[in-house]
Amino acid sequence: MAQPKALHLEEVAATARKNASLEGIGLTKRYGGRAVVNNVRVRVGNGEVVGLLGPNGAGKTTTFYMLVGLLKPDSGRIELSGAEITMLPLYQRARRGISYLPQEPSVFRKLTVEQNLLAVLETLPLTEEERRARLQSLLDELDIARLARTKAGVLSGGERRKVEITRALVLDPLFLCLDEPFAGIDPITVVEIQRIISYLKERGIGILMSDHNVHETLSIIDRAYVIHGGQILVEGGPQEIVGNDRVREVFLGDRFRLR
């Protein structure tokens, strides 16, 4: 009789993932009386890759930080699948399915790759056998098993990024929020990270990313929001973004072309 119950739980989890959404509604943030983000609305759906783009000082990073929980909005709200999470701290959002990868290295440099993953796995209610099986599955998933006993402090930028993404997958997130995922890595690794993002999309994980590498971002996203002056200038697919005259005027320039 246990099997039907287990199958039911799997179906419930699959339905929850299919219907998952991360949304910021009417987000506003002020500093010194000035609204650096003003009434912004952003949404990421199940298995969708969404970018936040815009010139420096436009408000995209502040918007990103409000969505992941590093900043609290002065007004507006943030919802996860319709449930308000505006005031929840970062760690509680992680428990509900929102994983955040900062731009700065977040691995434990003196620990091996295996130990970095176990540090998160040990917070889960698993037996030792289940933990080891899950560890091996994670190492295999993004092809980092060969690095299992390598100290994280000697990894290349690309290897470190793959380990950080793998560690984020330990909690089986609904959404993965990537801050500058293409920063500090070589062109070959950029392609690897893009492939990983495509794989996570196929798994049904929603991806929100903010990055200054516009070509690399536009080549992988489904949609983007271009933020300018603290507001959404335009939202749409890569072609729509690049073809927008106002976006070219304030952000991309006339010579920008999709690769």
Protein backbone atom coordinates (compact mmCIF):
# COMPACT_ATOMS: atom_id res chain seq x y z
CA MET A 1 0.00 0.00 0.00
CA ALA A 2 2.99 2.33 0.41
CA GLN A 3 3.70 2.57 -3.31
CA PRO A 4 0.44 4.36 -4.31
CA LYS A 5 1.05 6.91 -1.51
CA ALA A 6 4.60 7.50 -2.74
CA LEU A 7 3.37 7.93 -6.29
CA HIS A 8 0.74 10.38 -5.07
CA LEU A 9 3.39 12.49 -3.33
CA GLU A 10 5.50 12.50 -6.50
CA GLU A 11 2.48 13.65 -8.51
CA VAL A 12 1.80 16.46 -6.03
CA ALA A 13 5.44 17.58 -6.23
CA ALA A 14 5.38 17.47 -10.04
CA THR A 15 2.18 19.53 -10.14
CA ALA A 16 3.65 22.09 -7.74
CA ARG A 17 6.72 22.46 -9.96
CA LYS A 18 4.64 22.73 -13.12
CA ASN A 19 2.57 25.53 -11.63
CA ALA A 20 5.45 27.32 -9.91
CA SER A 21 6.04 31.03 -10.41
CA LEU A 22 8.25 33.69 -8.86
CA GLU A 23 6.84 37.18 -9.14
CA GLY A 24 7.68 40.67 -7.97
CA ILE A 25 4.66 42.98 -8.08
CA GLY A 26 4.88 46.75 -7.82
CA LEU A 27 8.39 46.64 -6.38
CA THR A 28 9.71 50.01 -5.22
CA LYS A 29 12.96 50.81 -3.42
CA ARG A 30 14.07 54.28 -2.33
CA TYR A 31 17.39 55.64 -1.18
CA GLY A 32 17.58 59.16 0.17
CA GLY A 33 14.10 59.93 -1.10
CA ARG A 34 14.94 58.80 -4.64
CA ALA A 35 13.20 55.75 -6.12
CA VAL A 36 15.97 53.61 -7.63
CA VAL A 37 13.30 51.01 -8.46
CA ASN A 38 9.80 52.30 -9.11
CA ASN A 39 6.74 50.05 -9.41
CA VAL A 40 8.52 47.20 -11.21
CA ARG A 41 6.77 43.93 -12.04
CA VAL A 42 8.81 40.83 -12.94
CA ARG A 43 7.70 37.22 -13.36
CA VAL A 44 9.53 33.92 -13.89
CA GLY A 45 7.57 30.78 -14.67
CA ASN A 46 8.29 27.07 -14.48
CA GLY A 47 11.21 26.09 -16.71
CA GLU A 48 11.62 29.64 -17.99
CA VAL A 49 14.92 31.52 -18.36
CA VAL A 50 14.46 35.23 -17.69
CA GLY A 51 17.11 37.95 -17.74
CA LEU A 52 17.32 41.32 -16.03
CA LEU A 53 19.22 43.76 -18.23
CA GLY A 54 19.98 47.45 -18.27
CA PRO A 55 22.72 50.06 -18.00
CA ASN A 56 24.68 50.61 -14.81
CA GLY A 57 22.62 52.36 -12.16
CA ALA A 58 19.34 51.45 -13.86
CA GLY A 59 17.98 49.49 -10.89
CA LYS A 60 18.33 45.94 -12.21
CA THR A 61 20.64 44.75 -9.41
CA THR A 62 18.36 46.26 -6.76
CA THR A 63 15.39 44.52 -8.39
CA PHE A 64 17.30 41.23 -8.46
CA TYR A 65 18.29 41.57 -4.79
CA MET A 66 14.68 42.21 -3.76
CA LEU A 67 13.50 39.10 -5.60
CA VAL A 68 16.10 36.83 -3.97
CA GLY A 69 15.65 38.32 -0.49
CA LEU A 70 18.83 40.34 0.01
CA LEU A 71 16.85 43.60 0.08
CA LYS A 72 13.34 44.36 1.29
CA PRO A 73 11.15 46.54 -0.94
CA ASP A 74 9.72 49.76 0.46
CA SER A 75 6.47 48.86 -1.26
CA GLY A 76 5.18 46.07 -3.44
CA ARG A 77 5.30 42.34 -2.80
CA ILE A 78 7.03 39.14 -3.86
CA GLU A 79 5.10 35.93 -4.42
CA LEU A 80 6.14 32.32 -4.84
CA SER A 81 3.40 30.42 -6.65
CA GLY A 82 0.85 32.92 -5.35
CA ALA A 83 2.02 32.87 -1.71
CA GLU A 84 3.54 36.09 -0.42
CA ILE A 85 7.18 35.78 0.68
CA THR A 86 8.12 39.47 0.74
CA MET A 87 9.44 39.50 4.31
CA LEU A 88 11.05 36.06 4.31
CA PRO A 89 14.85 36.05 4.66
CA LEU A 90 17.13 34.38 2.16
CA TYR A 91 17.44 31.07 4.01
CA GLN A 92 13.67 30.66 4.34
CA ARG A 93 13.21 31.34 0.65
CA ALA A 94 15.81 28.63 -0.04
CA ARG A 95 13.73 26.15 1.96
CA ARG A 96 10.72 27.03 -0.17
CA GLY A 97 12.56 26.46 -3.43
CA ILE A 98 14.46 29.63 -4.36
CA SER A 99 18.22 29.12 -4.64
CA TYR A 100 20.56 32.09 -5.03
CA LEU A 101 24.07 32.03 -6.50
CA PRO A 102 26.04 35.20 -5.82
CA GLN A 103 28.64 36.57 -8.20
CA GLU A 104 31.36 36.21 -5.56
CA PRO A 105 32.82 32.73 -4.87
CA SER A 106 30.64 30.93 -2.34
CA VAL A 107 32.42 27.57 -2.07
CA PHE A 108 34.26 26.56 1.08
CA ARG A 109 37.79 26.88 -0.27
CA LYS A 110 39.49 24.55 2.22
CA LEU A 111 36.97 21.75 1.70
CA THR A 112 36.88 19.32 -1.20
CA VAL A 113 34.11 19.46 -3.77
CA GLU A 114 32.56 16.39 -2.16
CA GLN A 115 32.65 18.03 1.27
CA ASN A 116 31.08 21.20 -0.12
CA LEU A 117 28.09 19.18 -1.30
CA LEU A 118 27.90 17.14 1.90
CA ALA A 119 27.76 20.35 3.93
CA VAL A 120 24.30 20.92 2.43
CA LEU A 121 23.25 17.28 2.17
CA GLU A 122 23.81 16.82 5.90
CA THR A 123 21.06 19.35 6.62
CA LEU A 124 18.51 17.05 4.98
CA PRO A 125 16.70 14.16 6.73
CA LEU A 126 18.56 11.39 4.87
CA THR A 127 20.17 8.15 5.98
CA GLU A 128 23.91 7.79 5.38
CA GLU A 129 23.18 5.45 2.46
CA GLU A 130 20.69 7.90 0.94
CA ARG A 131 23.11 10.78 1.44
CA ARG A 132 25.93 8.96 -0.36
CA ALA A 133 23.65 7.95 -3.23
CA ARG A 134 22.41 11.52 -3.59
CA LEU A 135 25.99 12.81 -3.49
CA GLN A 136 27.04 10.55 -6.34
CA SER A 137 23.98 11.51 -8.35
CA LEU A 138 24.80 15.20 -7.92
CA LEU A 139 28.44 14.70 -8.89
CA ASP A 140 27.38 12.87 -12.03
CA GLU A 141 24.59 15.28 -12.97
CA LEU A 142 26.86 18.16 -14.03
CA ASP A 143 29.90 15.97 -14.72
CA ILE A 144 32.06 17.01 -11.76
CA ALA A 145 32.72 13.54 -10.30
CA ARG A 146 36.39 13.82 -11.33
CA LEU A 147 36.67 16.85 -9.02
CA ALA A 148 35.11 15.15 -5.99
CA ARG A 149 38.30 15.09 -3.90
CA THR A 150 39.76 18.34 -5.23
CA LYS A 151 40.00 21.26 -2.81
CA ALA A 152 37.58 23.97 -3.89
CA GLY A 153 40.27 26.62 -3.46
CA VAL A 154 42.23 25.35 -6.48
CA LEU A 155 39.31 25.09 -8.91
CA SER A 156 39.19 27.22 -12.04
CA GLY A 157 36.47 29.85 -12.30
CA GLY A 158 34.36 27.58 -14.49
CA GLU A 159 34.81 24.52 -12.28
CA ARG A 160 33.91 26.56 -9.21
CA ARG A 161 30.76 27.83 -10.92
CA LYS A 162 29.68 24.28 -11.77
CA VAL A 163 30.23 23.20 -8.16
CA GLU A 164 28.19 26.16 -6.90
CA ILE A 165 25.32 25.30 -9.25
CA THR A 166 25.50 21.64 -8.22
CA ARG A 167 25.38 22.63 -4.55
CA ALA A 168 22.30 24.74 -5.25
CA LEU A 169 20.63 21.67 -6.77
CA VAL A 170 20.95 19.75 -3.47
CA LEU A 171 17.71 21.34 -2.25
CA ASP A 172 15.93 20.56 -5.55
CA PRO A 173 14.93 24.20 -6.15
CA LEU A 174 11.98 25.49 -8.12
CA PHE A 175 13.97 28.58 -9.10
CA LEU A 176 17.65 29.37 -9.44
CA CYS A 177 18.69 33.03 -9.28
CA LEU A 178 22.09 33.64 -10.89
CA ASP A 179 24.00 36.86 -10.25
CA GLU A 180 26.53 37.48 -13.04
CA PRO A 181 26.91 33.77 -13.97
CA PHE A 182 29.24 34.58 -16.89
CA ALA A 183 31.60 36.84 -14.94
CA GLY A 184 35.22 35.75 -14.58
CA ILE A 185 35.05 32.65 -16.78
CA ASP A 186 36.59 31.87 -20.17
CA PRO A 187 34.58 31.56 -23.43
CA ILE A 188 34.62 27.75 -23.38
CA THR A 189 33.20 27.71 -19.87
CA VAL A 190 30.57 30.28 -20.86
CA VAL A 191 29.25 27.72 -23.35
CA GLU A 192 29.30 25.03 -20.64
CA ILE A 193 27.31 27.23 -18.26
CA GLN A 194 24.82 28.01 -21.04
CA ARG A 195 24.37 24.27 -21.62
CA ILE A 196 23.80 23.75 -17.90
CA ILE A 197 21.17 26.49 -17.88
CA SER A 198 19.42 24.82 -20.83
CA TYR A 199 19.53 21.49 -18.98
CA LEU A 200 18.04 23.04 -15.83
CA LYS A 201 15.30 24.60 -17.95
CA GLU A 202 14.46 21.15 -19.33
CA ARG A 203 14.26 19.90 -15.75
CA GLY A 204 11.57 22.48 -15.09
CA ILE A 205 13.70 24.82 -12.98
CA GLY A 206 12.98 28.51 -13.54
CA ILE A 207 16.09 30.65 -14.00
CA LEU A 208 16.37 34.35 -13.17
CA MET A 209 19.68 35.90 -14.14
CA SER A 210 21.26 39.32 -14.02
CA ASP A 211 24.44 39.75 -16.06
CA HIS A 212 26.42 42.48 -17.80
CA ASN A 213 27.43 40.08 -20.59
CA VAL A 214 24.53 40.96 -22.86
CA HIS A 215 25.36 38.71 -25.84
CA GLU A 216 25.76 35.63 -23.64
CA THR A 217 22.56 36.41 -21.75
CA LEU A 218 20.40 37.08 -24.81
CA SER A 219 21.58 33.84 -26.42
CA ILE A 220 20.13 31.71 -23.60
CA ILE A 221 17.04 33.50 -22.25
CA ASP A 222 13.38 33.11 -23.18
CA ARG A 223 12.53 36.64 -22.09
CA ALA A 224 14.25 39.67 -20.61
CA TYR A 225 13.25 42.80 -18.77
CA VAL A 226 15.28 45.87 -19.66
CA ILE A 227 15.30 48.27 -16.72
CA HIS A 228 16.11 51.94 -17.17
CA GLY A 229 15.68 54.74 -14.66
CA GLY A 230 14.24 52.30 -12.13
CA GLN A 231 11.38 51.18 -14.38
CA ILE A 232 10.72 48.48 -16.96
CA LEU A 233 11.60 49.96 -20.33
CA VAL A 234 10.62 46.88 -22.32
CA GLU A 235 9.94 43.18 -21.79
CA GLY A 236 10.20 40.52 -24.46
CA GLY A 237 12.26 37.92 -26.27
CA PRO A 238 15.79 38.55 -27.56
CA GLN A 239 14.68 39.77 -31.00
CA GLU A 240 12.14 42.12 -29.50
CA ILE A 241 14.72 43.52 -27.07
CA VAL A 242 17.36 44.09 -29.75
CA GLY A 243 14.85 45.57 -32.18
CA ASN A 244 13.52 48.15 -29.74
CA ASP A 245 14.67 51.66 -30.70
CA ARG A 246 14.56 52.98 -27.15
CA VAL A 247 16.66 50.05 -25.87
CA ARG A 248 19.25 50.76 -28.55
CA GLU A 249 19.28 54.43 -27.64
CA VAL A 250 19.87 54.03 -23.89
CA PHE A 251 21.55 50.64 -23.60
CA LEU A 252 22.66 48.54 -26.58
CA GLY A 253 23.74 51.13 -29.13
CA ASP A 254 23.03 51.13 -32.87
CA ARG A 255 25.69 48.56 -33.79
CA PHE A 256 24.58 45.80 -31.44
CA ARG A 257 23.65 42.53 -33.17
CA LEU A 258 22.62 39.13 -31.87
CA ARG A 259 25.29 36.51 -32.46
